[in-house]
Amino acid sequence: MRALGIDLGSKRIGVATSDRSGTIATPLLVLERTKSKLGDYKAIDEIVVEQEAQCVVVGLPLNMSGTVGPAAQGAIDEAKEMASVISVPVYTYDERLTTVTADNILMAQKMRAQARRRVVDKIAAAVMLQSWLDHRRNQSRDQVNE
């Protein structure tokens, strides 16, 4: 199953995609936020169609304790709004520390701060999506072994 990973930010939206087998996540692009959330969701839906994605996974910025704070509630609310526009199911998944992980990856590649800012959102989306894909695969494996 091909999935699209979404990292929602206030200025940018990071987008990643998986391969058709749902095994590997790859950074795709960064969308600049517009003044219209509906317009942003339509742009995401166009990517869904173009990539032939079968679902969208929106990063859920839980508190470090795993609780839902204001940022996570905002992502939940936005995922619900997005689901009314997107042509495939929309899920949320824990994205704690994905931006930190993405930034560390880019710093290890000695990328300058300005260049990192342009791509960190799509890398974070890929980190989150890979985690979701791995979790899904492990759940399937656990169900087979029961």
N, C-alpha and C. Protein backbone atom coordinates (compact mmCIF):
# COMPACT_ATOMS: atom_id res chain seq x y z
N MET A 1 0.84 -1.18 0.00
CA MET A 1 0.00 0.00 0.00
C MET A 1 0.89 1.24 0.00
N ARG A 2 0.66 2.14 -0.95
CA ARG A 2 1.40 3.40 -0.98
C ARG A 2 0.71 4.40 -0.05
N ALA A 3 1.50 5.02 0.82
CA ALA A 3 0.98 5.99 1.78
C ALA A 3 1.70 7.32 1.58
N LEU A 4 1.01 8.38 1.97
CA LEU A 4 1.59 9.72 1.95
C LEU A 4 1.74 10.17 3.40
N GLY A 5 2.92 10.65 3.77
CA GLY A 5 3.15 11.17 5.11
C GLY A 5 3.13 12.69 5.08
N ILE A 6 2.47 13.28 6.07
CA ILE A 6 2.30 14.73 6.12
C ILE A 6 2.82 15.26 7.45
N ASP A 7 3.73 16.23 7.39
CA ASP A 7 4.22 16.93 8.57
C ASP A 7 3.66 18.35 8.50
N LEU A 8 2.64 18.61 9.31
CA LEU A 8 1.97 19.91 9.30
C LEU A 8 2.78 20.94 10.08
N GLY A 9 3.05 22.05 9.46
CA GLY A 9 3.70 23.16 10.14
C GLY A 9 2.87 24.41 9.91
N SER A 10 3.19 25.45 10.62
CA SER A 10 2.41 26.69 10.47
C SER A 10 2.75 27.41 9.17
N LYS A 11 3.96 27.20 8.64
CA LYS A 11 4.38 27.87 7.40
C LYS A 11 4.55 26.91 6.24
N ARG A 12 4.92 25.67 6.56
CA ARG A 12 5.19 24.69 5.52
C ARG A 12 4.56 23.34 5.88
N ILE A 13 4.32 22.54 4.85
CA ILE A 13 3.82 21.18 5.03
C ILE A 13 4.82 20.24 4.35
N GLY A 14 5.43 19.38 5.14
CA GLY A 14 6.35 18.39 4.59
C GLY A 14 5.56 17.20 4.09
N VAL A 15 5.96 16.68 2.93
CA VAL A 15 5.26 15.54 2.33
C VAL A 15 6.28 14.46 1.99
N ALA A 16 5.95 13.23 2.36
CA ALA A 16 6.77 12.07 2.02
C ALA A 16 5.85 11.02 1.43
N THR A 17 6.44 10.08 0.72
CA THR A 17 5.65 9.00 0.13
C THR A 17 6.35 7.68 0.40
N SER A 18 5.59 6.62 0.35
CA SER A 18 6.19 5.29 0.47
C SER A 18 6.25 4.65 -0.91
N ASP A 19 7.02 3.60 -1.01
CA ASP A 19 6.99 2.82 -2.23
C ASP A 19 5.67 2.05 -2.29
N ARG A 20 5.39 1.42 -3.41
CA ARG A 20 4.10 0.72 -3.58
C ARG A 20 3.89 -0.41 -2.58
N SER A 21 4.99 -1.00 -2.12
CA SER A 21 4.86 -2.11 -1.17
C SER A 21 4.66 -1.63 0.27
N GLY A 22 4.76 -0.32 0.49
CA GLY A 22 4.60 0.21 1.84
C GLY A 22 5.76 -0.17 2.75
N THR A 23 6.96 -0.24 2.19
CA THR A 23 8.13 -0.65 2.95
C THR A 23 9.05 0.52 3.28
N ILE A 24 9.28 1.39 2.31
CA ILE A 24 10.27 2.46 2.46
C ILE A 24 9.64 3.82 2.22
N ALA A 25 9.88 4.75 3.15
CA ALA A 25 9.40 6.13 3.02
C ALA A 25 10.50 6.99 2.41
N THR A 26 10.08 7.90 1.54
CA THR A 26 11.01 8.80 0.87
C THR A 26 10.49 10.23 0.94
N PRO A 27 11.34 11.21 1.28
CA PRO A 27 10.90 12.60 1.25
C PRO A 27 10.44 12.96 -0.17
N LEU A 28 9.35 13.72 -0.27
CA LEU A 28 8.82 14.08 -1.58
C LEU A 28 8.97 15.57 -1.86
N LEU A 29 8.30 16.40 -1.06
CA LEU A 29 8.34 17.84 -1.31
C LEU A 29 7.87 18.61 -0.09
N VAL A 30 8.03 19.92 -0.17
CA VAL A 30 7.55 20.82 0.87
C VAL A 30 6.57 21.79 0.22
N LEU A 31 5.37 21.85 0.77
CA LEU A 31 4.36 22.81 0.31
C LEU A 31 4.42 24.03 1.21
N GLU A 32 4.40 25.19 0.61
CA GLU A 32 4.29 26.42 1.40
C GLU A 32 2.81 26.58 1.76
N ARG A 33 2.54 26.87 3.02
CA ARG A 33 1.15 27.09 3.45
C ARG A 33 0.58 28.28 2.72
N THR A 34 -0.69 28.18 2.37
CA THR A 34 -1.40 29.32 1.81
C THR A 34 -2.30 29.89 2.90
N LYS A 35 -3.05 30.90 2.57
CA LYS A 35 -3.98 31.47 3.55
C LYS A 35 -5.24 30.62 3.67
N SER A 36 -5.37 29.62 2.81
CA SER A 36 -6.56 28.77 2.78
C SER A 36 -6.21 27.33 3.13
N LYS A 37 -6.68 26.86 4.28
CA LYS A 37 -6.46 25.45 4.62
C LYS A 37 -7.11 24.56 3.58
N LEU A 38 -8.28 24.94 3.11
CA LEU A 38 -8.97 24.15 2.08
C LEU A 38 -8.09 24.02 0.84
N GLY A 39 -7.46 25.12 0.44
CA GLY A 39 -6.55 25.09 -0.70
C GLY A 39 -5.36 24.17 -0.44
N ASP A 40 -4.84 24.21 0.79
CA ASP A 40 -3.73 23.32 1.15
C ASP A 40 -4.16 21.86 1.05
N TYR A 41 -5.36 21.56 1.53
CA TYR A 41 -5.85 20.18 1.50
C TYR A 41 -6.10 19.72 0.07
N LYS A 42 -6.57 20.62 -0.77
CA LYS A 42 -6.77 20.26 -2.18
C LYS A 42 -5.44 19.97 -2.85
N ALA A 43 -4.41 20.74 -2.49
CA ALA A 43 -3.07 20.49 -3.05
C ALA A 43 -2.56 19.12 -2.59
N ILE A 44 -2.82 18.77 -1.33
CA ILE A 44 -2.42 17.45 -0.83
C ILE A 44 -3.20 16.36 -1.56
N ASP A 45 -4.49 16.59 -1.79
CA ASP A 45 -5.29 15.59 -2.50
C ASP A 45 -4.76 15.39 -3.93
N GLU A 46 -4.30 16.45 -4.56
CA GLU A 46 -3.72 16.31 -5.91
C GLU A 46 -2.47 15.42 -5.86
N ILE A 47 -1.69 15.56 -4.79
CA ILE A 47 -0.51 14.73 -4.63
C ILE A 47 -0.93 13.27 -4.37
N VAL A 48 -1.99 13.09 -3.59
CA VAL A 48 -2.52 11.74 -3.34
C VAL A 48 -2.84 11.06 -4.67
N VAL A 49 -3.55 11.78 -5.54
CA VAL A 49 -3.94 11.23 -6.84
C VAL A 49 -2.70 10.97 -7.69
N GLU A 50 -1.82 11.95 -7.76
CA GLU A 50 -0.60 11.84 -8.58
C GLU A 50 0.27 10.66 -8.13
N GLN A 51 0.40 10.47 -6.82
CA GLN A 51 1.25 9.41 -6.27
C GLN A 51 0.51 8.07 -6.14
N GLU A 52 -0.79 8.09 -6.43
CA GLU A 52 -1.64 6.90 -6.28
C GLU A 52 -1.58 6.35 -4.85
N ALA A 53 -1.60 7.28 -3.89
CA ALA A 53 -1.57 6.90 -2.47
C ALA A 53 -2.92 6.34 -2.05
N GLN A 54 -2.88 5.39 -1.14
CA GLN A 54 -4.11 4.76 -0.66
C GLN A 54 -4.50 5.25 0.73
N CYS A 55 -3.63 6.05 1.35
CA CYS A 55 -3.96 6.68 2.62
C CYS A 55 -2.99 7.83 2.88
N VAL A 56 -3.37 8.68 3.82
CA VAL A 56 -2.54 9.80 4.25
C VAL A 56 -2.31 9.64 5.75
N VAL A 57 -1.06 9.82 6.18
CA VAL A 57 -0.71 9.73 7.59
C VAL A 57 -0.20 11.10 8.03
N VAL A 58 -0.92 11.72 8.94
CA VAL A 58 -0.58 13.06 9.44
C VAL A 58 0.17 12.91 10.75
N GLY A 59 1.31 13.58 10.86
CA GLY A 59 2.10 13.53 12.08
C GLY A 59 1.36 14.15 13.25
N LEU A 60 1.39 13.46 14.38
CA LEU A 60 0.72 13.89 15.60
C LEU A 60 1.78 14.28 16.63
N PRO A 61 1.94 15.60 16.88
CA PRO A 61 2.99 16.05 17.80
C PRO A 61 2.59 15.91 19.27
N LEU A 62 2.61 14.67 19.77
CA LEU A 62 2.27 14.42 21.16
C LEU A 62 3.31 15.04 22.08
N ASN A 63 2.93 15.30 23.32
CA ASN A 63 3.89 15.73 24.34
C ASN A 63 4.86 14.58 24.57
N MET A 64 6.03 14.88 25.13
CA MET A 64 7.01 13.83 25.38
C MET A 64 6.45 12.73 26.29
N SER A 65 5.48 13.07 27.13
CA SER A 65 4.85 12.09 28.01
C SER A 65 3.84 11.22 27.26
N GLY A 66 3.58 11.55 25.99
CA GLY A 66 2.61 10.78 25.21
C GLY A 66 1.20 11.34 25.28
N THR A 67 1.03 12.43 26.01
CA THR A 67 -0.29 13.03 26.13
C THR A 67 -0.58 13.99 24.98
N VAL A 68 -1.86 14.27 24.79
CA VAL A 68 -2.30 15.19 23.74
C VAL A 68 -2.32 16.60 24.32
N GLY A 69 -1.45 17.44 23.79
CA GLY A 69 -1.42 18.84 24.18
C GLY A 69 -2.05 19.69 23.09
N PRO A 70 -1.92 21.01 23.17
CA PRO A 70 -2.53 21.90 22.19
C PRO A 70 -2.07 21.64 20.75
N ALA A 71 -0.78 21.38 20.56
CA ALA A 71 -0.28 21.14 19.20
C ALA A 71 -0.87 19.85 18.62
N ALA A 72 -0.91 18.80 19.42
CA ALA A 72 -1.48 17.53 18.96
C ALA A 72 -2.97 17.68 18.69
N GLN A 73 -3.67 18.41 19.56
CA GLN A 73 -5.10 18.61 19.33
C GLN A 73 -5.33 19.39 18.04
N GLY A 74 -4.48 20.35 17.77
CA GLY A 74 -4.57 21.09 16.52
C GLY A 74 -4.36 20.18 15.31
N ALA A 75 -3.41 19.25 15.41
CA ALA A 75 -3.15 18.31 14.32
C ALA A 75 -4.34 17.36 14.14
N ILE A 76 -4.93 16.92 15.24
CA ILE A 76 -6.11 16.04 15.17
C ILE A 76 -7.24 16.77 14.48
N ASP A 77 -7.48 18.01 14.89
CA ASP A 77 -8.55 18.82 14.29
C ASP A 77 -8.29 19.03 12.80
N GLU A 78 -7.04 19.32 12.46
CA GLU A 78 -6.71 19.57 11.06
C GLU A 78 -6.81 18.28 10.23
N ALA A 79 -6.43 17.16 10.81
CA ALA A 79 -6.56 15.88 10.11
C ALA A 79 -8.03 15.57 9.81
N LYS A 80 -8.91 15.91 10.75
CA LYS A 80 -10.35 15.71 10.53
C LYS A 80 -10.84 16.60 9.39
N GLU A 81 -10.42 17.86 9.39
CA GLU A 81 -10.79 18.77 8.31
C GLU A 81 -10.26 18.24 6.97
N MET A 82 -9.01 17.79 6.97
CA MET A 82 -8.38 17.28 5.77
C MET A 82 -9.13 16.06 5.23
N ALA A 83 -9.59 15.21 6.14
CA ALA A 83 -10.30 13.99 5.75
C ALA A 83 -11.57 14.29 4.98
N SER A 84 -12.14 15.47 5.18
CA SER A 84 -13.37 15.82 4.46
C SER A 84 -13.08 16.24 3.02
N VAL A 85 -11.81 16.47 2.70
CA VAL A 85 -11.41 16.91 1.36
C VAL A 85 -10.64 15.82 0.61
N ILE A 86 -9.82 15.09 1.34
CA ILE A 86 -8.93 14.07 0.75
C ILE A 86 -9.74 12.85 0.33
N SER A 87 -9.35 12.25 -0.78
CA SER A 87 -10.10 11.15 -1.36
C SER A 87 -9.75 9.77 -0.80
N VAL A 88 -8.86 9.71 0.19
CA VAL A 88 -8.45 8.44 0.81
C VAL A 88 -8.51 8.60 2.34
N PRO A 89 -8.45 7.50 3.09
CA PRO A 89 -8.46 7.61 4.55
C PRO A 89 -7.29 8.43 5.08
N VAL A 90 -7.55 9.18 6.15
CA VAL A 90 -6.52 10.00 6.80
C VAL A 90 -6.34 9.49 8.22
N TYR A 91 -5.09 9.15 8.57
CA TYR A 91 -4.75 8.67 9.90
C TYR A 91 -3.79 9.66 10.56
N THR A 92 -3.67 9.57 11.88
CA THR A 92 -2.64 10.33 12.59
C THR A 92 -1.68 9.33 13.20
N TYR A 93 -0.42 9.78 13.38
CA TYR A 93 0.59 8.91 13.98
C TYR A 93 1.62 9.77 14.71
N ASP A 94 2.07 9.26 15.82
CA ASP A 94 3.04 9.93 16.68
C ASP A 94 4.26 10.41 15.88
N GLU A 95 4.55 11.69 16.01
CA GLU A 95 5.72 12.24 15.30
C GLU A 95 6.74 12.83 16.26
N ARG A 96 6.69 12.45 17.53
CA ARG A 96 7.65 13.00 18.50
C ARG A 96 9.08 12.86 18.01
N LEU A 97 9.81 13.94 18.07
CA LEU A 97 11.24 14.02 17.75
C LEU A 97 11.59 13.82 16.27
N THR A 98 10.60 13.78 15.38
CA THR A 98 10.92 13.58 13.97
C THR A 98 11.68 14.76 13.39
N THR A 99 11.31 15.98 13.77
CA THR A 99 12.02 17.14 13.25
C THR A 99 13.45 17.19 13.79
N VAL A 100 13.62 16.83 15.06
CA VAL A 100 14.97 16.76 15.64
C VAL A 100 15.80 15.72 14.90
N THR A 101 15.22 14.55 14.66
CA THR A 101 15.91 13.48 13.93
C THR A 101 16.28 13.96 12.53
N ALA A 102 15.33 14.58 11.84
CA ALA A 102 15.57 15.07 10.48
C ALA A 102 16.68 16.12 10.48
N ASP A 103 16.63 17.03 11.42
CA ASP A 103 17.65 18.09 11.50
C ASP A 103 19.04 17.48 11.78
N ASN A 104 19.09 16.48 12.65
CA ASN A 104 20.37 15.82 12.94
C ASN A 104 20.93 15.11 11.70
N ILE A 105 20.06 14.49 10.92
CA ILE A 105 20.49 13.83 9.68
C ILE A 105 21.11 14.86 8.75
N LEU A 106 20.43 16.00 8.61
CA LEU A 106 20.91 17.05 7.70
C LEU A 106 22.20 17.70 8.20
N MET A 107 22.32 17.88 9.52
CA MET A 107 23.55 18.44 10.08
C MET A 107 24.71 17.48 9.89
N ALA A 108 24.44 16.18 10.00
CA ALA A 108 25.49 15.18 9.78
C ALA A 108 26.01 15.23 8.34
N GLN A 109 25.14 15.71 7.44
CA GLN A 109 25.55 15.87 6.04
C GLN A 109 26.19 17.24 5.81
N LYS A 110 26.41 17.97 6.91
CA LYS A 110 27.05 19.29 6.88
C LYS A 110 26.27 20.30 6.03
N MET A 111 24.95 20.18 6.07
CA MET A 111 24.08 21.11 5.33
C MET A 111 23.93 22.38 6.16
N ARG A 112 24.01 23.51 5.51
CA ARG A 112 23.88 24.81 6.19
C ARG A 112 22.44 25.01 6.67
N ALA A 113 22.29 25.84 7.70
CA ALA A 113 20.99 26.06 8.34
C ALA A 113 19.92 26.50 7.35
N GLN A 114 20.25 27.43 6.47
CA GLN A 114 19.26 27.93 5.51
C GLN A 114 18.80 26.80 4.57
N ALA A 115 19.70 25.98 4.12
CA ALA A 115 19.35 24.86 3.25
C ALA A 115 18.55 23.81 4.01
N ARG A 116 18.90 23.59 5.29
CA ARG A 116 18.15 22.63 6.12
C ARG A 116 16.71 23.05 6.26
N ARG A 117 16.47 24.34 6.48
CA ARG A 117 15.11 24.84 6.67
C ARG A 117 14.22 24.54 5.46
N ARG A 118 14.82 24.51 4.27
CA ARG A 118 14.04 24.28 3.05
C ARG A 118 13.59 22.82 2.90
N VAL A 119 14.30 21.89 3.56
CA VAL A 119 14.00 20.47 3.35
C VAL A 119 13.64 19.70 4.61
N VAL A 120 13.85 20.27 5.79
CA VAL A 120 13.66 19.52 7.03
C VAL A 120 12.23 18.99 7.16
N ASP A 121 11.24 19.71 6.67
CA ASP A 121 9.85 19.28 6.83
C ASP A 121 9.56 17.99 6.05
N LYS A 122 10.11 17.86 4.85
CA LYS A 122 9.85 16.64 4.09
C LYS A 122 10.66 15.47 4.65
N ILE A 123 11.83 15.76 5.23
CA ILE A 123 12.61 14.70 5.88
C ILE A 123 11.86 14.23 7.13
N ALA A 124 11.33 15.17 7.91
CA ALA A 124 10.56 14.82 9.11
C ALA A 124 9.33 13.99 8.72
N ALA A 125 8.67 14.36 7.62
CA ALA A 125 7.52 13.59 7.15
C ALA A 125 7.93 12.16 6.81
N ALA A 126 9.10 12.00 6.19
CA ALA A 126 9.59 10.67 5.84
C ALA A 126 9.95 9.85 7.08
N VAL A 127 10.56 10.50 8.08
CA VAL A 127 10.90 9.81 9.33
C VAL A 127 9.61 9.31 10.00
N MET A 128 8.61 10.17 10.08
CA MET A 128 7.33 9.78 10.70
C MET A 128 6.66 8.67 9.90
N LEU A 129 6.62 8.82 8.57
CA LEU A 129 5.97 7.81 7.73
C LEU A 129 6.69 6.47 7.84
N GLN A 130 8.01 6.48 7.87
CA GLN A 130 8.76 5.22 8.01
C GLN A 130 8.41 4.54 9.33
N SER A 131 8.29 5.32 10.38
CA SER A 131 7.91 4.77 11.68
C SER A 131 6.52 4.13 11.61
N TRP A 132 5.59 4.81 10.94
CA TRP A 132 4.23 4.27 10.79
C TRP A 132 4.24 2.98 9.98
N LEU A 133 5.00 2.96 8.88
CA LEU A 133 5.09 1.76 8.04
C LEU A 133 5.67 0.60 8.84
N ASP A 134 6.73 0.85 9.60
CA ASP A 134 7.36 -0.20 10.41
C ASP A 134 6.39 -0.71 11.48
N HIS A 135 5.69 0.20 12.13
CA HIS A 135 4.72 -0.17 13.16
C HIS A 135 3.62 -1.05 12.56
N ARG A 136 3.12 -0.64 11.42
CA ARG A 136 2.06 -1.39 10.72
C ARG A 136 2.53 -2.80 10.35
N ARG A 137 3.74 -2.88 9.83
CA ARG A 137 4.30 -4.17 9.44
C ARG A 137 4.49 -5.07 10.67
N ASN A 138 4.99 -4.49 11.78
CA ASN A 138 5.18 -5.26 13.00
C ASN A 138 3.86 -5.74 13.59
N GLN A 139 2.83 -4.92 13.50
CA GLN A 139 1.50 -5.33 13.98
C GLN A 139 0.99 -6.52 13.18
N SER A 140 1.16 -6.46 11.86
CA SER A 140 0.73 -7.56 11.00
C SER A 140 1.48 -8.83 11.35
N ARG A 141 2.78 -8.71 11.59
CA ARG A 141 3.61 -9.86 11.93
C ARG A 141 3.17 -10.45 13.26
N ASP A 142 2.87 -9.58 14.24
CA ASP A 142 2.43 -10.04 15.56
C ASP A 142 1.10 -10.78 15.47
N GLN A 143 0.19 -10.30 14.63
CA GLN A 143 -1.11 -10.95 14.47
C GLN A 143 -0.96 -12.33 13.84
N VAL A 144 -0.02 -12.50 12.94
CA VAL A 144 0.22 -13.79 12.30
C VAL A 144 0.79 -14.78 13.32
N ASN A 145 1.64 -14.28 14.24
CA ASN A 145 2.29 -15.14 15.21
C ASN A 145 1.40 -15.52 16.40
N GLU A 146 0.23 -14.93 16.51
CA GLU A 146 -0.65 -15.23 17.65
C GLU A 146 -1.43 -16.49 17.43
